[in-house]
C-alpha cells in the first residue's frame, strides 16, 4: 500500500466504531490519485461530520500528504448500501404551518 492509503486507513480506523469494515480503493490516473472510502453505514456520520467538516479536514490532510509525495490526492466517500443520500430540504410549508410547528 502507498503512504497516502496507509495514512487514510489509520485515520479512518481511529474514527469509526467498525474498523473491520473500512475499505479503501486506490486508483491513479492523469488527474492524480483517487482514494475511494467505504465504511460501515453506522460510521458515515463520524466520517462526514457535522456540515461535512470532518470530511473536509480529512481531504485537506490528504492533500498535504499528496504534496509531500508530489501527487494530487482526492477522496471519494462511497454511500453505503441502503444509505439515505442527501435530500435538499423542501420549502413547501406556508408561513402559518411553520409558525404552528414552532408552537409559539
C-alpha atoms as a PDB file:
ATOM      1  CA  UNK A   1       0.000   0.000   0.000  1.00  0.00           C
ATOM      2  CA  UNK A   2       1.102   3.540  -0.706  1.00  0.00           C
ATOM      3  CA  UNK A   3       1.715   6.130   2.012  1.00  0.00           C
ATOM      4  CA  UNK A   4      -1.491   8.069   1.307  1.00  0.00           C
ATOM      5  CA  UNK A   5      -3.596   4.913   1.530  1.00  0.00           C
ATOM      6  CA  UNK A   6      -1.905   3.794   4.768  1.00  0.00           C
ATOM      7  CA  UNK A   7      -2.409   7.256   6.269  1.00  0.00           C
ATOM      8  CA  UNK A   8      -6.114   7.348   5.356  1.00  0.00           C
ATOM      9  CA  UNK A   9      -6.700   3.822   6.668  1.00  0.00           C
ATOM     10  CA  UNK A  10      -5.092   4.596  10.033  1.00  0.00           C
ATOM     11  CA  UNK A  11      -7.014   7.865  10.344  1.00  0.00           C
ATOM     12  CA  UNK A  12     -10.423   6.392   9.471  1.00  0.00           C
ATOM     13  CA  UNK A  13      -9.978   3.271  11.622  1.00  0.00           C
ATOM     14  CA  UNK A  14      -9.253   5.534  14.590  1.00  0.00           C
ATOM     15  CA  UNK A  15     -12.524   7.437  13.997  1.00  0.00           C
ATOM     16  CA  UNK A  16     -15.053   4.648  13.415  1.00  0.00           C
ATOM     17  CA  UNK A  17     -16.750   2.021  15.591  1.00  0.00           C
ATOM     18  CA  UNK A  18     -16.420  -0.723  12.938  1.00  0.00           C
ATOM     19  CA  UNK A  19     -12.769  -0.578  11.779  1.00  0.00           C
ATOM     20  CA  UNK A  20     -13.045  -4.029  10.213  1.00  0.00           C
ATOM     21  CA  UNK A  21     -15.499  -2.598   7.640  1.00  0.00           C
ATOM     22  CA  UNK A  22     -13.105   0.098   6.361  1.00  0.00           C
ATOM     23  CA  UNK A  23     -12.127  -0.491   2.725  1.00  0.00           C
ATOM     24  CA  UNK A  24     -10.001   1.845   0.626  1.00  0.00           C
ATOM     25  CA  UNK A  25      -9.520   1.549  -3.129  1.00  0.00           C
ATOM     26  CA  UNK A  26      -6.702   3.499  -4.809  1.00  0.00           C
ATOM     27  CA  UNK A  27      -6.748   4.495  -8.467  1.00  0.00           C
ATOM     28  CA  UNK A  28      -4.077   6.556 -10.246  1.00  0.00           C
ATOM     29  CA  UNK A  29      -4.835   8.380 -13.499  1.00  0.00           C
ATOM     30  CA  UNK A  30      -3.860  11.595 -15.296  1.00  0.00           C
ATOM     31  CA  UNK A  31      -5.818  13.646 -12.732  1.00  0.00           C
ATOM     32  CA  UNK A  32      -3.855  12.224  -9.796  1.00  0.00           C
ATOM     33  CA  UNK A  33      -4.726   9.725  -7.082  1.00  0.00           C
ATOM     34  CA  UNK A  34      -8.317   8.888  -6.189  1.00  0.00           C
ATOM     35  CA  UNK A  35      -8.939   7.153  -2.877  1.00  0.00           C
ATOM     36  CA  UNK A  36     -12.423   5.681  -2.556  1.00  0.00           C
ATOM     37  CA  UNK A  37     -13.531   5.045   1.008  1.00  0.00           C
ATOM     38  CA  UNK A  38     -16.169   2.505   2.068  1.00  0.00           C
ATOM     39  CA  UNK A  39     -17.240   2.349   5.719  1.00  0.00           C
ATOM     40  CA  UNK A  40     -19.996   0.712   7.754  1.00  0.00           C
ATOM     41  CA  UNK A  41     -23.316   2.615   7.364  1.00  0.00           C
ATOM     42  CA  UNK A  42     -23.387   3.434  11.098  1.00  0.00           C
ATOM     43  CA  UNK A  43     -19.990   5.154  10.780  1.00  0.00           C
ATOM     44  CA  UNK A  44     -20.896   7.521   7.939  1.00  0.00           C
ATOM     45  CA  UNK A  45     -21.790  10.340  10.328  1.00  0.00           C
ATOM     46  CA  UNK A  46     -18.446  10.087  12.067  1.00  0.00           C
ATOM     47  CA  UNK A  47     -16.521  10.193   8.801  1.00  0.00           C
ATOM     48  CA  UNK A  48     -18.501  13.074   7.302  1.00  0.00           C
ATOM     49  CA  UNK A  49     -19.043  15.069  10.496  1.00  0.00           C
ATOM     50  CA  UNK A  50     -21.343  17.970  11.175  1.00  0.00           C
ATOM     51  CA  UNK A  51     -21.814  20.004   7.985  1.00  0.00           C
ATOM     52  CA  UNK A  52     -19.120  17.877   6.351  1.00  0.00           C
ATOM     53  CA  UNK A  53     -16.357  19.411   8.434  1.00  0.00           C
ATOM     54  CA  UNK A  54     -14.629  16.123   9.267  1.00  0.00           C
ATOM     55  CA  UNK A  55     -14.609  15.068   5.604  1.00  0.00           C
ATOM     56  CA  UNK A  56     -13.174  18.480   4.620  1.00  0.00           C
ATOM     57  CA  UNK A  57     -10.422  18.134   7.213  1.00  0.00           C
ATOM     58  CA  UNK A  58      -9.562  14.614   6.006  1.00  0.00           C
ATOM     59  CA  UNK A  59      -9.380  15.862   2.401  1.00  0.00           C
ATOM     60  CA  UNK A  60      -7.092  18.716   3.478  1.00  0.00           C
ATOM     61  CA  UNK A  61      -4.760  16.307   5.269  1.00  0.00           C
ATOM     62  CA  UNK A  62      -4.699  14.034   2.210  1.00  0.00           C
ATOM     63  CA  UNK A  63      -3.728  16.975   0.008  1.00  0.00           C
ATOM     64  CA  UNK A  64      -0.811  17.701   2.352  1.00  0.00           C
ATOM     65  CA  UNK A  65       0.293  14.043   2.202  1.00  0.00           C
ATOM     66  CA  UNK A  66      -0.029  14.214  -1.584  1.00  0.00           C
ATOM     67  CA  UNK A  67       2.057  17.387  -1.833  1.00  0.00           C
ATOM     68  CA  UNK A  68       4.799  15.714   0.162  1.00  0.00           C
ATOM     69  CA  UNK A  69       4.797  12.870  -2.389  1.00  0.00           C
ATOM     70  CA  UNK A  70       4.315  15.088  -5.477  1.00  0.00           C
ATOM     71  CA  UNK A  71       0.806  13.800  -6.173  1.00  0.00           C
ATOM     72  CA  UNK A  72      -2.700  15.224  -6.188  1.00  0.00           C
ATOM     73  CA  UNK A  73      -4.790  13.105  -3.822  1.00  0.00           C
ATOM     74  CA  UNK A  74      -8.606  13.193  -3.846  1.00  0.00           C
ATOM     75  CA  UNK A  75     -11.064  11.380  -1.597  1.00  0.00           C
ATOM     76  CA  UNK A  76     -14.423   9.944  -2.560  1.00  0.00           C
ATOM     77  CA  UNK A  77     -16.640   8.676   0.254  1.00  0.00           C
ATOM     78  CA  UNK A  78     -18.956   5.996  -1.098  1.00  0.00           C
ATOM     79  CA  UNK A  79     -22.528   5.945   0.110  1.00  0.00           C
ATOM     80  CA  UNK A  80     -23.273   2.603   1.776  1.00  0.00           C
ATOM     81  CA  UNK A  81     -25.986   0.214   0.590  1.00  0.00           C
ATOM     82  CA  UNK A  82     -29.353   1.464   1.736  1.00  0.00           C
ATOM     83  CA  UNK A  83     -27.943   4.872   2.600  1.00  0.00           C
ATOM     84  CA  UNK A  84     -30.204   7.857   2.918  1.00  0.00           C
ATOM     85  CA  UNK A  85     -28.352  10.034   0.459  1.00  0.00           C
ATOM     86  CA  UNK A  86     -28.649  13.781   0.513  1.00  0.00           C
ATOM     87  CA  UNK A  87     -32.068  15.276   0.094  1.00  0.00           C
ATOM     88  CA  UNK A  88     -32.407  19.002  -0.147  1.00  0.00           C
ATOM     89  CA  UNK A  89     -34.851  20.346   2.439  1.00  0.00           C
ATOM     90  CA  UNK A  90     -38.033  21.464   0.797  1.00  0.00           C
ATOM     91  CA  UNK A  91     -39.605  24.819   1.485  1.00  0.00           C
ATOM     92  CA  UNK A  92     -43.199  23.829   0.812  1.00  0.00           C
ATOM     93  CA  UNK A  93     -44.706  24.895   4.131  1.00  0.00           C
ATOM     94  CA  UNK A  94     -46.639  28.084   4.400  1.00  0.00           C
ATOM     95  CA  UNK A  95     -45.729  30.691   6.980  1.00  0.00           C
ATOM     96  CA  UNK A  96     -48.744  29.655   9.080  1.00  0.00           C
ATOM     97  CA  UNK A  97     -47.680  25.987   9.047  1.00  0.00           C
ATOM     98  CA  UNK A  98     -44.143  26.937  10.041  1.00  0.00           C
ATOM     99  CA  UNK A  99     -45.449  29.080  12.902  1.00  0.00           C
ATOM    100  CA  UNK A 100     -47.641  26.209  14.084  1.00  0.00           C
ATOM    101  CA  UNK A 101     -44.601  23.923  14.084  1.00  0.00           C
ATOM    102  CA  UNK A 102     -42.807  26.381  16.341  1.00  0.00           C
ATOM    103  CA  UNK A 103     -45.748  26.281  18.773  1.00  0.00           C
ATOM    104  CA  UNK A 104     -45.441  29.946  19.699  1.00  0.00           C
END
